[in-house]
């Protein structure tokens, strides 16, 4: 099964993100926009993992001793791709967030998991393969969220739709 560790957000925060996503969608010629229920911030992508290794991932998550913290999204950008860009909103620098991601990656590496080594760029993906008519005009105000849990998420296709399901929750 395909797994990742993520931060999920309350409905009020998701509603603010959807409002920004809708501004982007209205200015796009095309795009594959993230469904509301799939909006999250990935901390560690694990990829295809055998079910018997889930206990090890939970153990690594339980090693995290970071307190709950506030996360603020205050920027928007894109990763350029030939087929259309990946548009995202990004979080301002937060030491708790970076420490948590670094510790999770280190624990998981010690347990034998293959962890991506590229730099951590905390963001929520709004859409993929997005092509805009022109430079976007988007009103972006700060979005604040309290982070008090992290989740082990399973990614699968159900009836042709990409679906993310929490299979373990760790309280901070």
C-alpha atoms as a PDB file:
ATOM      1  CA  UNK A   1       0.000   0.000   0.000  1.00  0.00           C
ATOM      2  CA  UNK A   2       1.118   3.590  -0.688  1.00  0.00           C
ATOM      3  CA  UNK A   3       1.681   5.520   2.531  1.00  0.00           C
ATOM      4  CA  UNK A   4       2.689   8.978   3.687  1.00  0.00           C
ATOM      5  CA  UNK A   5       2.719  10.933   6.952  1.00  0.00           C
ATOM      6  CA  UNK A   6       0.796  14.187   6.846  1.00  0.00           C
ATOM      7  CA  UNK A   7      -0.876  17.036   8.629  1.00  0.00           C
ATOM      8  CA  UNK A   8      -4.615  17.279   7.988  1.00  0.00           C
ATOM      9  CA  UNK A   9      -6.629  20.408   8.645  1.00  0.00           C
ATOM     10  CA  UNK A  10      -9.921  21.429  10.211  1.00  0.00           C
ATOM     11  CA  UNK A  11     -12.909  22.218   8.005  1.00  0.00           C
ATOM     12  CA  UNK A  12     -12.628  25.983   8.615  1.00  0.00           C
ATOM     13  CA  UNK A  13      -9.024  25.978   7.348  1.00  0.00           C
ATOM     14  CA  UNK A  14      -9.926  23.780   4.365  1.00  0.00           C
ATOM     15  CA  UNK A  15     -12.731  26.217   3.480  1.00  0.00           C
ATOM     16  CA  UNK A  16     -10.214  29.085   3.333  1.00  0.00           C
ATOM     17  CA  UNK A  17      -7.895  26.999   1.150  1.00  0.00           C
ATOM     18  CA  UNK A  18     -10.763  26.030  -1.172  1.00  0.00           C
ATOM     19  CA  UNK A  19     -11.593  29.735  -1.620  1.00  0.00           C
ATOM     20  CA  UNK A  20      -8.020  30.310  -2.848  1.00  0.00           C
ATOM     21  CA  UNK A  21      -8.143  27.178  -4.996  1.00  0.00           C
ATOM     22  CA  UNK A  22     -11.378  28.406  -6.602  1.00  0.00           C
ATOM     23  CA  UNK A  23      -9.704  31.706  -7.525  1.00  0.00           C
ATOM     24  CA  UNK A  24      -6.969  29.699  -9.245  1.00  0.00           C
ATOM     25  CA  UNK A  25      -9.475  27.356 -10.912  1.00  0.00           C
ATOM     26  CA  UNK A  26     -11.418  30.332 -12.315  1.00  0.00           C
ATOM     27  CA  UNK A  27      -8.257  31.607 -14.023  1.00  0.00           C
ATOM     28  CA  UNK A  28      -7.178  28.237 -15.432  1.00  0.00           C
ATOM     29  CA  UNK A  29      -7.626  26.892 -18.929  1.00  0.00           C
ATOM     30  CA  UNK A  30      -7.182  23.404 -17.500  1.00  0.00           C
ATOM     31  CA  UNK A  31      -6.018  21.651 -14.388  1.00  0.00           C
ATOM     32  CA  UNK A  32      -6.477  18.679 -12.100  1.00  0.00           C
ATOM     33  CA  UNK A  33      -7.443  20.322  -8.811  1.00  0.00           C
ATOM     34  CA  UNK A  34      -7.027  18.581  -5.460  1.00  0.00           C
ATOM     35  CA  UNK A  35     -10.322  17.419  -4.025  1.00  0.00           C
ATOM     36  CA  UNK A  36     -11.283  19.091  -0.742  1.00  0.00           C
ATOM     37  CA  UNK A  37     -11.030  15.873   1.263  1.00  0.00           C
ATOM     38  CA  UNK A  38      -7.492  15.247  -0.048  1.00  0.00           C
ATOM     39  CA  UNK A  39      -5.941  18.587   0.979  1.00  0.00           C
ATOM     40  CA  UNK A  40      -3.050  17.942   3.374  1.00  0.00           C
ATOM     41  CA  UNK A  41       0.585  18.816   4.041  1.00  0.00           C
ATOM     42  CA  UNK A  42       2.934  15.878   3.461  1.00  0.00           C
ATOM     43  CA  UNK A  43       5.667  15.483   6.069  1.00  0.00           C
ATOM     44  CA  UNK A  44       7.211  12.244   4.774  1.00  0.00           C
ATOM     45  CA  UNK A  45       6.317  10.281   1.646  1.00  0.00           C
ATOM     46  CA  UNK A  46       6.933   6.567   2.169  1.00  0.00           C
ATOM     47  CA  UNK A  47       5.622   5.072  -1.076  1.00  0.00           C
ATOM     48  CA  UNK A  48       4.728   1.391  -1.436  1.00  0.00           C
ATOM     49  CA  UNK A  49       5.033  -0.257   1.985  1.00  0.00           C
ATOM     50  CA  UNK A  50       4.180  -3.774   3.133  1.00  0.00           C
ATOM     51  CA  UNK A  51       1.370  -3.886   5.693  1.00  0.00           C
ATOM     52  CA  UNK A  52       3.584  -5.698   8.197  1.00  0.00           C
ATOM     53  CA  UNK A  53       5.807  -2.583   8.435  1.00  0.00           C
ATOM     54  CA  UNK A  54       3.032  -0.254   9.618  1.00  0.00           C
ATOM     55  CA  UNK A  55       3.945  -0.947  13.267  1.00  0.00           C
ATOM     56  CA  UNK A  56       7.448   0.402  12.608  1.00  0.00           C
ATOM     57  CA  UNK A  57       6.038   3.603  11.112  1.00  0.00           C
ATOM     58  CA  UNK A  58       3.737   4.042  14.109  1.00  0.00           C
ATOM     59  CA  UNK A  59       6.743   3.547  16.399  1.00  0.00           C
ATOM     60  CA  UNK A  60       8.622   6.325  14.579  1.00  0.00           C
ATOM     61  CA  UNK A  61       5.600   8.630  14.814  1.00  0.00           C
ATOM     62  CA  UNK A  62       5.324   7.937  18.542  1.00  0.00           C
ATOM     63  CA  UNK A  63       8.938   9.060  19.040  1.00  0.00           C
ATOM     64  CA  UNK A  64       7.926  12.613  18.109  1.00  0.00           C
ATOM     65  CA  UNK A  65       7.818  14.867  21.160  1.00  0.00           C
ATOM     66  CA  UNK A  66       7.102  18.168  19.409  1.00  0.00           C
ATOM     67  CA  UNK A  67       4.314  20.166  21.112  1.00  0.00           C
ATOM     68  CA  UNK A  68       1.285  21.327  19.145  1.00  0.00           C
ATOM     69  CA  UNK A  69       1.986  24.544  17.233  1.00  0.00           C
ATOM     70  CA  UNK A  70       0.455  27.149  14.941  1.00  0.00           C
ATOM     71  CA  UNK A  71       1.143  26.916  11.228  1.00  0.00           C
ATOM     72  CA  UNK A  72       0.590  29.880   8.935  1.00  0.00           C
ATOM     73  CA  UNK A  73       0.150  29.673   5.173  1.00  0.00           C
ATOM     74  CA  UNK A  74       1.161  32.968   3.621  1.00  0.00           C
ATOM     75  CA  UNK A  75       2.519  32.371   0.128  1.00  0.00           C
ATOM     76  CA  UNK A  76       1.552  30.818  -3.151  1.00  0.00           C
ATOM     77  CA  UNK A  77       3.647  29.452  -5.973  1.00  0.00           C
ATOM     78  CA  UNK A  78       4.115  26.708  -8.494  1.00  0.00           C
ATOM     79  CA  UNK A  79       6.516  24.017  -9.593  1.00  0.00           C
ATOM     80  CA  UNK A  80       6.952  24.262 -13.374  1.00  0.00           C
ATOM     81  CA  UNK A  81       6.130  21.170 -15.397  1.00  0.00           C
ATOM     82  CA  UNK A  82       5.824  20.641 -19.163  1.00  0.00           C
ATOM     83  CA  UNK A  83       2.260  19.285 -18.953  1.00  0.00           C
ATOM     84  CA  UNK A  84       1.138  22.128 -16.687  1.00  0.00           C
ATOM     85  CA  UNK A  85       2.312  23.455 -13.367  1.00  0.00           C
ATOM     86  CA  UNK A  86       1.746  22.200  -9.836  1.00  0.00           C
ATOM     87  CA  UNK A  87       0.228  25.110  -7.882  1.00  0.00           C
ATOM     88  CA  UNK A  88       0.505  25.255  -4.094  1.00  0.00           C
ATOM     89  CA  UNK A  89       0.164  27.395  -1.018  1.00  0.00           C
ATOM     90  CA  UNK A  90       3.145  27.388   1.298  1.00  0.00           C
ATOM     91  CA  UNK A  91       3.714  27.705   5.006  1.00  0.00           C
ATOM     92  CA  UNK A  92       5.914  30.334   6.573  1.00  0.00           C
ATOM     93  CA  UNK A  93       9.058  29.013   8.210  1.00  0.00           C
ATOM     94  CA  UNK A  94       8.242  27.181  11.430  1.00  0.00           C
ATOM     95  CA  UNK A  95      10.938  25.499  13.507  1.00  0.00           C
ATOM     96  CA  UNK A  96       8.507  23.022  15.103  1.00  0.00           C
ATOM     97  CA  UNK A  97       7.378  21.877  11.649  1.00  0.00           C
ATOM     98  CA  UNK A  98      10.923  21.501  10.308  1.00  0.00           C
ATOM     99  CA  UNK A  99      12.110  19.711  13.468  1.00  0.00           C
ATOM    100  CA  UNK A 100       9.188  17.291  13.310  1.00  0.00           C
ATOM    101  CA  UNK A 101       9.791  16.480   9.645  1.00  0.00           C
ATOM    102  CA  UNK A 102      13.529  16.048  10.223  1.00  0.00           C
ATOM    103  CA  UNK A 103      13.013  13.764  13.252  1.00  0.00           C
ATOM    104  CA  UNK A 104      10.408  11.649  11.470  1.00  0.00           C
ATOM    105  CA  UNK A 105      12.727  11.208   8.486  1.00  0.00           C
ATOM    106  CA  UNK A 106      15.656  10.292  10.749  1.00  0.00           C
ATOM    107  CA  UNK A 107      13.660   7.737  12.784  1.00  0.00           C
ATOM    108  CA  UNK A 108      12.224   6.149   9.650  1.00  0.00           C
ATOM    109  CA  UNK A 109      15.653   5.977   7.998  1.00  0.00           C
ATOM    110  CA  UNK A 110      17.067   4.218  11.082  1.00  0.00           C
ATOM    111  CA  UNK A 111      14.245   1.691  10.788  1.00  0.00           C
ATOM    112  CA  UNK A 112      15.236   0.940   7.187  1.00  0.00           C
ATOM    113  CA  UNK A 113      12.757   3.047   5.220  1.00  0.00           C
ATOM    114  CA  UNK A 114      13.907   4.840   2.083  1.00  0.00           C
ATOM    115  CA  UNK A 115      13.236   8.557   2.610  1.00  0.00           C
ATOM    116  CA  UNK A 116      13.490  11.266  -0.055  1.00  0.00           C
ATOM    117  CA  UNK A 117      16.580  13.413   0.501  1.00  0.00           C
ATOM    118  CA  UNK A 118      15.418  16.539  -1.323  1.00  0.00           C
ATOM    119  CA  UNK A 119      14.752  19.603   0.781  1.00  0.00           C
ATOM    120  CA  UNK A 120      11.476  19.849   2.675  1.00  0.00           C
ATOM    121  CA  UNK A 121       9.209  22.516   1.154  1.00  0.00           C
ATOM    122  CA  UNK A 122       6.044  22.584   3.286  1.00  0.00           C
ATOM    123  CA  UNK A 123       3.047  23.174   1.031  1.00  0.00           C
ATOM    124  CA  UNK A 124      -0.484  22.092   0.157  1.00  0.00           C
ATOM    125  CA  UNK A 125      -1.018  21.167  -3.476  1.00  0.00           C
ATOM    126  CA  UNK A 126      -3.954  23.086  -4.952  1.00  0.00           C
ATOM    127  CA  UNK A 127      -3.757  21.588  -8.431  1.00  0.00           C
ATOM    128  CA  UNK A 128      -1.623  19.683 -10.914  1.00  0.00           C
ATOM    129  CA  UNK A 129      -1.231  20.136 -14.664  1.00  0.00           C
ATOM    130  CA  UNK A 130      -2.593  23.662 -14.280  1.00  0.00           C
ATOM    131  CA  UNK A 131      -2.388  25.938 -17.300  1.00  0.00           C
ATOM    132  CA  UNK A 132      -3.460  29.534 -16.710  1.00  0.00           C
ATOM    133  CA  UNK A 133      -4.810  32.062 -19.197  1.00  0.00           C
ATOM    134  CA  UNK A 134      -2.362  34.660 -17.853  1.00  0.00           C
ATOM    135  CA  UNK A 135      -0.480  35.527 -14.670  1.00  0.00           C
ATOM    136  CA  UNK A 136      -2.923  34.803 -11.842  1.00  0.00           C
ATOM    137  CA  UNK A 137      -4.532  37.526  -9.769  1.00  0.00           C
ATOM    138  CA  UNK A 138      -5.238  35.854  -6.459  1.00  0.00           C
ATOM    139  CA  UNK A 139      -6.101  37.385  -3.120  1.00  0.00           C
ATOM    140  CA  UNK A 140      -4.124  35.495  -0.494  1.00  0.00           C
ATOM    141  CA  UNK A 141      -4.502  36.359   3.156  1.00  0.00           C
ATOM    142  CA  UNK A 142      -2.726  34.493   5.939  1.00  0.00           C
ATOM    143  CA  UNK A 143      -4.362  31.219   6.908  1.00  0.00           C
ATOM    144  CA  UNK A 144      -3.582  29.999  10.408  1.00  0.00           C
ATOM    145  CA  UNK A 145      -4.057  26.468  11.718  1.00  0.00           C
ATOM    146  CA  UNK A 146      -3.266  24.768  15.010  1.00  0.00           C
ATOM    147  CA  UNK A 147      -1.346  21.528  14.417  1.00  0.00           C
ATOM    148  CA  UNK A 148      -2.024  19.049  17.206  1.00  0.00           C
ATOM    149  CA  UNK A 149      -1.958  15.716  15.329  1.00  0.00           C
ATOM    150  CA  UNK A 150      -0.092  13.958  12.555  1.00  0.00           C
ATOM    151  CA  UNK A 151      -1.519  11.140  10.482  1.00  0.00           C
ATOM    152  CA  UNK A 152      -0.292   8.029   8.708  1.00  0.00           C
ATOM    153  CA  UNK A 153      -2.224   8.133   5.448  1.00  0.00           C
ATOM    154  CA  UNK A 154      -3.002   5.448   2.891  1.00  0.00           C
ATOM    155  CA  UNK A 155      -3.335   6.505  -0.747  1.00  0.00           C
ATOM    156  CA  UNK A 156      -5.512   4.377  -3.024  1.00  0.00           C
ATOM    157  CA  UNK A 157      -7.892   4.622  -5.945  1.00  0.00           C
ATOM    158  CA  UNK A 158     -11.518   3.951  -5.036  1.00  0.00           C
ATOM    159  CA  UNK A 159     -13.975   3.952  -7.946  1.00  0.00           C
ATOM    160  CA  UNK A 160     -11.320   5.723 -10.023  1.00  0.00           C
ATOM    161  CA  UNK A 161     -10.809   8.533  -7.484  1.00  0.00           C
ATOM    162  CA  UNK A 162      -7.598   9.091  -5.573  1.00  0.00           C
ATOM    163  CA  UNK A 163      -8.545   8.722  -1.913  1.00  0.00           C
ATOM    164  CA  UNK A 164      -6.495   9.361   1.219  1.00  0.00           C
ATOM    165  CA  UNK A 165      -7.468   7.568   4.425  1.00  0.00           C
ATOM    166  CA  UNK A 166      -5.950   8.056   7.882  1.00  0.00           C
ATOM    167  CA  UNK A 167      -4.891   4.680   9.284  1.00  0.00           C
ATOM    168  CA  UNK A 168      -3.060   5.974  12.371  1.00  0.00           C
ATOM    169  CA  UNK A 169      -3.181   9.235  14.321  1.00  0.00           C
ATOM    170  CA  UNK A 170      -0.492  10.603  16.644  1.00  0.00           C
ATOM    171  CA  UNK A 171      -1.444  13.385  19.071  1.00  0.00           C
ATOM    172  CA  UNK A 172       1.266  15.987  19.599  1.00  0.00           C
END
